[in-house]
Amino acid sequence: MYIIADQRIPGQAKEKLNGYGEVLWLEPQEVTYSAISAHPDIFFCLVNDHLVVAPNISEEMKIKLKRLEVVCLEGEQSVGNSYPDTAGYNSVVTSDYIICNTQLTDRRIKEQAESREIIHVNQGYTRCGLVPLPGNRFITSDKGIEKTLQQYDLEILFVEPTGILLPGFKHGFIGGTCGVWQDKLFFIGNLDYFPEGRKIKDFVQDMKIIELYDGPLFDGGSILFIS
């Protein structure tokens, strides 16, 4: 298994994550602003165990992905310096849905819809604010996303983003703090530090929670797991 993560996450989290697979540490990319410049969900969208990749990701990362024979599809939109040009790949793709701002999402991702239903949300940073779980359940820190998914009768838990670390900003977003692999939910941080951590634990009782370091939740732009 291969994993893509921000190289700037806390050291203890990096060390623990290394134990679960080969990690491709994403270095800050000069094409966008610092806080999100090494966030996987800004440059990649995972669809069916392959990646839709921003064309202006570093050549070094392209070489690594090719060496590991990760199946990649190059997107059309380059990641820009500021929003909305930073949101082209920040979509959530499940077995049944593509959840995104359809006006901002790269065409290559929407082409992967196949039998999936596309759900439009106003939040361009969809993946930042939304955690997709097995069985079409979700956790979000965005009220707009919550309202939209409730209209589709999807099971969704809302949590306030207060207390999530994102250097340079008041707070981060819940989707950026974690990643899902099979029945495991990985958090960059310890839920005991999060005001609504108990709500999350109760919501995902059927999953194994992996807390990567003993500290507040850290928004690292999500963790991508590739089989």
Protein backbone atom coordinates (compact mmCIF):
# COMPACT_ATOMS: atom_id res chain seq x y z
CA MET A 1 0.00 0.00 0.00
CA TYR A 2 1.12 3.53 -0.81
CA ILE A 3 0.23 6.62 1.18
CA ILE A 4 0.44 10.30 0.22
CA ALA A 5 0.71 12.83 3.06
CA ASP A 6 1.96 16.33 3.82
CA GLN A 7 5.60 16.16 4.92
CA ARG A 8 4.92 18.91 7.46
CA ILE A 9 2.62 16.90 9.75
CA PRO A 10 3.99 16.40 13.29
CA GLY A 11 7.04 14.14 13.56
CA GLN A 12 5.36 11.54 15.76
CA ALA A 13 2.55 11.25 13.22
CA LYS A 14 5.03 10.79 10.38
CA GLU A 15 6.85 8.05 12.24
CA LYS A 16 3.65 6.15 13.02
CA LEU A 17 2.24 6.54 9.52
CA ASN A 18 5.43 5.06 8.06
CA GLY A 19 4.49 1.81 9.76
CA TYR A 20 1.39 1.35 7.59
CA GLY A 21 2.91 1.49 4.12
CA GLU A 22 5.31 3.34 1.85
CA VAL A 23 4.64 7.02 2.35
CA LEU A 24 5.19 9.54 -0.43
CA TRP A 25 5.79 12.73 1.50
CA LEU A 26 4.48 15.70 -0.44
CA GLU A 27 6.79 18.70 -0.17
CA PRO A 28 5.46 22.27 -0.37
CA GLN A 29 4.70 23.23 -3.96
CA GLU A 30 5.56 26.79 -4.95
CA VAL A 31 2.48 27.15 -7.16
CA THR A 32 0.10 27.97 -4.30
CA TYR A 33 -0.04 29.52 -0.83
CA SER A 34 1.92 28.00 2.02
CA ALA A 35 -0.82 26.62 4.26
CA ILE A 36 -2.08 24.21 1.60
CA SER A 37 1.05 23.89 -0.53
CA ALA A 38 1.75 20.29 0.54
CA HIS A 39 -1.84 19.14 0.98
CA PRO A 40 -2.60 15.99 -1.00
CA ASP A 41 -6.26 16.95 -1.48
CA ILE A 42 -5.20 20.09 -3.36
CA PHE A 43 -3.17 18.20 -5.98
CA PHE A 44 -4.81 14.75 -6.14
CA CYS A 45 -8.24 13.18 -6.26
CA LEU A 46 -8.51 9.44 -5.63
CA VAL A 47 -10.91 7.62 -7.96
CA ASN A 48 -11.14 3.81 -8.13
CA ASP A 49 -7.62 3.33 -6.73
CA HIS A 50 -6.09 5.65 -9.29
CA LEU A 51 -5.21 9.31 -9.02
CA VAL A 52 -6.36 12.30 -10.98
CA VAL A 53 -3.29 14.53 -10.66
CA ALA A 54 -2.79 18.25 -11.13
CA PRO A 55 -0.48 18.79 -14.14
CA ASN A 56 1.74 21.22 -12.22
CA ILE A 57 2.63 18.87 -9.37
CA SER A 58 6.41 18.61 -9.05
CA GLU A 59 8.36 16.45 -11.47
CA GLU A 60 9.86 14.70 -8.46
CA MET A 61 6.42 13.49 -7.35
CA LYS A 62 5.51 12.46 -10.90
CA ILE A 63 8.67 10.34 -11.07
CA LYS A 64 7.89 8.69 -7.72
CA LEU A 65 4.37 7.79 -8.80
CA LYS A 66 5.61 6.37 -12.08
CA ARG A 67 8.30 4.31 -10.33
CA LEU A 68 5.70 2.79 -8.02
CA GLU A 69 3.39 2.13 -10.99
CA VAL A 70 0.55 4.11 -9.44
CA VAL A 71 -2.12 4.58 -12.09
CA CYS A 72 -2.44 8.32 -12.72
CA LEU A 73 -4.65 10.41 -14.97
CA GLU A 74 -3.42 13.95 -15.56
CA GLY A 75 -6.02 16.59 -14.91
CA GLU A 76 -6.57 19.65 -17.07
CA GLN A 77 -6.50 22.41 -14.45
CA SER A 78 -3.29 23.63 -12.89
CA VAL A 79 -3.38 24.48 -9.21
CA GLY A 80 -3.21 28.25 -8.81
CA ASN A 81 -2.05 30.65 -6.15
CA SER A 82 -5.45 31.34 -4.58
CA TYR A 83 -9.05 30.13 -4.36
CA PRO A 84 -10.91 29.14 -6.51
CA ASP A 85 -7.90 28.04 -8.59
CA THR A 86 -6.85 25.80 -5.68
CA ALA A 87 -10.08 23.76 -5.58
CA GLY A 88 -10.03 21.80 -8.83
CA TYR A 89 -9.11 18.47 -7.25
CA ASN A 90 -10.74 18.91 -3.84
CA SER A 91 -13.63 16.53 -4.48
CA VAL A 92 -14.98 13.48 -2.67
CA VAL A 93 -15.51 10.34 -4.74
CA THR A 94 -17.24 7.29 -3.26
CA SER A 95 -18.58 4.15 -4.90
CA ASP A 96 -21.93 5.89 -5.46
CA TYR A 97 -21.28 9.64 -5.51
CA ILE A 98 -19.01 12.42 -6.66
CA ILE A 99 -19.48 15.30 -4.23
CA CYS A 100 -17.99 18.57 -5.38
CA ASN A 101 -18.54 22.09 -6.59
CA THR A 102 -19.25 21.17 -10.19
CA GLN A 103 -18.24 24.62 -11.45
CA LEU A 104 -14.73 24.32 -10.02
CA THR A 105 -13.94 20.59 -10.28
CA ASP A 106 -11.56 19.40 -12.95
CA ARG A 107 -13.34 17.81 -15.92
CA ARG A 108 -11.26 14.65 -15.64
CA ILE A 109 -12.80 13.92 -12.24
CA LYS A 110 -16.35 14.45 -13.46
CA GLU A 111 -15.63 12.14 -16.41
CA GLN A 112 -15.03 9.34 -13.90
CA ALA A 113 -18.65 9.54 -12.76
CA GLU A 114 -19.65 6.37 -14.63
CA SER A 115 -22.68 5.20 -12.63
CA ARG A 116 -22.04 7.64 -9.79
CA GLU A 117 -24.44 10.44 -9.00
CA ILE A 118 -22.86 13.89 -8.93
CA ILE A 119 -23.88 15.99 -5.94
CA HIS A 120 -23.13 19.71 -6.23
CA VAL A 121 -22.14 21.64 -3.11
CA ASN A 122 -21.24 25.30 -2.89
CA GLN A 123 -18.06 24.69 -0.90
CA GLY A 124 -15.18 24.43 -3.36
CA TYR A 125 -12.95 22.86 -0.71
CA THR A 126 -15.26 19.87 -0.48
CA ARG A 127 -12.69 17.26 0.56
CA CYS A 128 -11.24 19.60 3.16
CA GLY A 129 -14.58 19.73 4.92
CA LEU A 130 -15.91 16.22 4.32
CA VAL A 131 -14.81 12.75 5.43
CA PRO A 132 -16.28 9.88 3.39
CA LEU A 133 -16.76 6.67 5.39
CA PRO A 134 -17.74 3.15 4.32
CA GLY A 135 -21.45 2.69 3.72
CA ASN A 136 -22.02 6.22 2.41
CA ARG A 137 -21.70 7.83 5.82
CA PHE A 138 -19.94 11.16 6.24
CA ILE A 139 -18.46 13.56 8.76
CA THR A 140 -18.36 17.25 7.88
CA SER A 141 -17.36 20.57 9.41
CA ASP A 142 -19.30 22.56 6.79
CA LYS A 143 -22.95 23.43 7.40
CA GLY A 144 -23.67 23.87 3.70
CA ILE A 145 -22.37 20.39 2.87
CA GLU A 146 -24.37 18.93 5.77
CA LYS A 147 -27.59 20.52 4.50
CA THR A 148 -27.04 19.30 0.94
CA LEU A 149 -26.25 15.70 1.89
CA GLN A 150 -29.24 15.56 4.22
CA GLN A 151 -31.41 16.24 1.17
CA TYR A 152 -30.10 12.96 -0.25
CA ASP A 153 -30.97 11.11 2.98
CA LEU A 154 -27.32 10.34 3.64
CA GLU A 155 -26.09 9.69 7.16
CA ILE A 156 -23.91 12.64 8.14
CA LEU A 157 -22.36 13.93 11.35
CA PHE A 158 -21.58 17.63 11.72
CA VAL A 159 -18.75 18.80 13.96
CA GLU A 160 -17.44 22.31 14.55
CA PRO A 161 -13.89 22.82 13.22
CA THR A 162 -12.81 24.78 16.31
CA GLY A 163 -9.52 23.45 17.64
CA ILE A 164 -8.25 21.95 14.37
CA LEU A 165 -4.74 23.25 13.67
CA LEU A 166 -3.90 24.80 10.29
CA PRO A 167 -0.84 27.06 10.50
CA GLY A 168 -1.66 30.58 9.36
CA PHE A 169 -5.41 30.22 9.87
CA LYS A 170 -7.90 30.39 12.73
CA HIS A 171 -8.68 26.71 12.29
CA GLY A 172 -8.55 23.89 9.77
CA PHE A 173 -11.24 21.48 8.56
CA ILE A 174 -12.17 17.98 9.64
CA GLY A 175 -11.56 16.34 6.25
CA GLY A 176 -7.98 17.53 6.25
CA THR A 177 -7.21 15.81 9.54
CA CYS A 178 -7.76 12.24 8.44
CA GLY A 179 -7.84 9.46 5.89
CA VAL A 180 -9.73 6.19 5.50
CA TRP A 181 -8.31 2.78 4.67
CA GLN A 182 -10.82 -0.10 4.67
CA ASP A 183 -12.19 -0.21 8.23
CA LYS A 184 -9.55 2.12 9.67
CA LEU A 185 -9.96 5.85 10.23
CA PHE A 186 -6.59 7.61 10.62
CA PHE A 187 -6.46 10.95 12.42
CA ILE A 188 -3.50 13.33 12.49
CA GLY A 189 -3.99 13.91 16.20
CA ASN A 190 -5.82 12.57 19.21
CA LEU A 191 -9.61 12.93 19.39
CA ASP A 192 -9.40 13.50 23.14
CA TYR A 193 -8.08 16.99 22.34
CA PHE A 194 -11.05 17.72 20.05
CA PRO A 195 -14.19 19.17 21.69
CA GLU A 196 -16.47 16.88 19.67
CA GLY A 197 -14.15 13.88 19.65
CA ARG A 198 -16.64 11.74 21.58
CA LYS A 199 -19.32 12.38 18.95
CA ILE A 200 -16.96 11.12 16.26
CA LYS A 201 -16.03 8.01 18.25
CA ASP A 202 -19.71 7.20 18.79
CA PHE A 203 -20.46 7.73 15.08
CA VAL A 204 -17.72 5.35 13.88
CA GLN A 205 -17.99 2.59 16.47
CA ASP A 206 -17.71 -0.03 13.73
CA MET A 207 -14.33 1.35 12.60
CA LYS A 208 -10.86 1.20 14.11
CA ILE A 209 -9.56 4.68 14.91
CA ILE A 210 -5.81 5.21 14.48
CA GLU A 211 -4.54 8.37 16.21
CA LEU A 212 -1.16 9.21 14.73
CA TYR A 213 0.17 11.50 17.46
CA ASP A 214 -0.75 12.73 20.92
CA GLY A 215 -1.88 16.27 20.24
CA PRO A 216 -4.65 18.41 18.69
CA LEU A 217 -6.10 17.47 15.31
CA PHE A 218 -3.86 18.80 12.54
CA ASP A 219 -5.16 19.67 9.09
CA GLY A 220 -2.66 18.12 6.68
CA GLY A 221 -4.89 18.12 3.63
CA SER A 222 -6.09 14.56 4.29
CA ILE A 223 -4.17 11.30 3.94
CA LEU A 224 -4.52 9.34 0.70
CA PHE A 225 -4.25 5.54 0.72
CA ILE A 226 -3.64 3.74 -2.57
CA SER A 227 -3.81 -0.05 -2.85
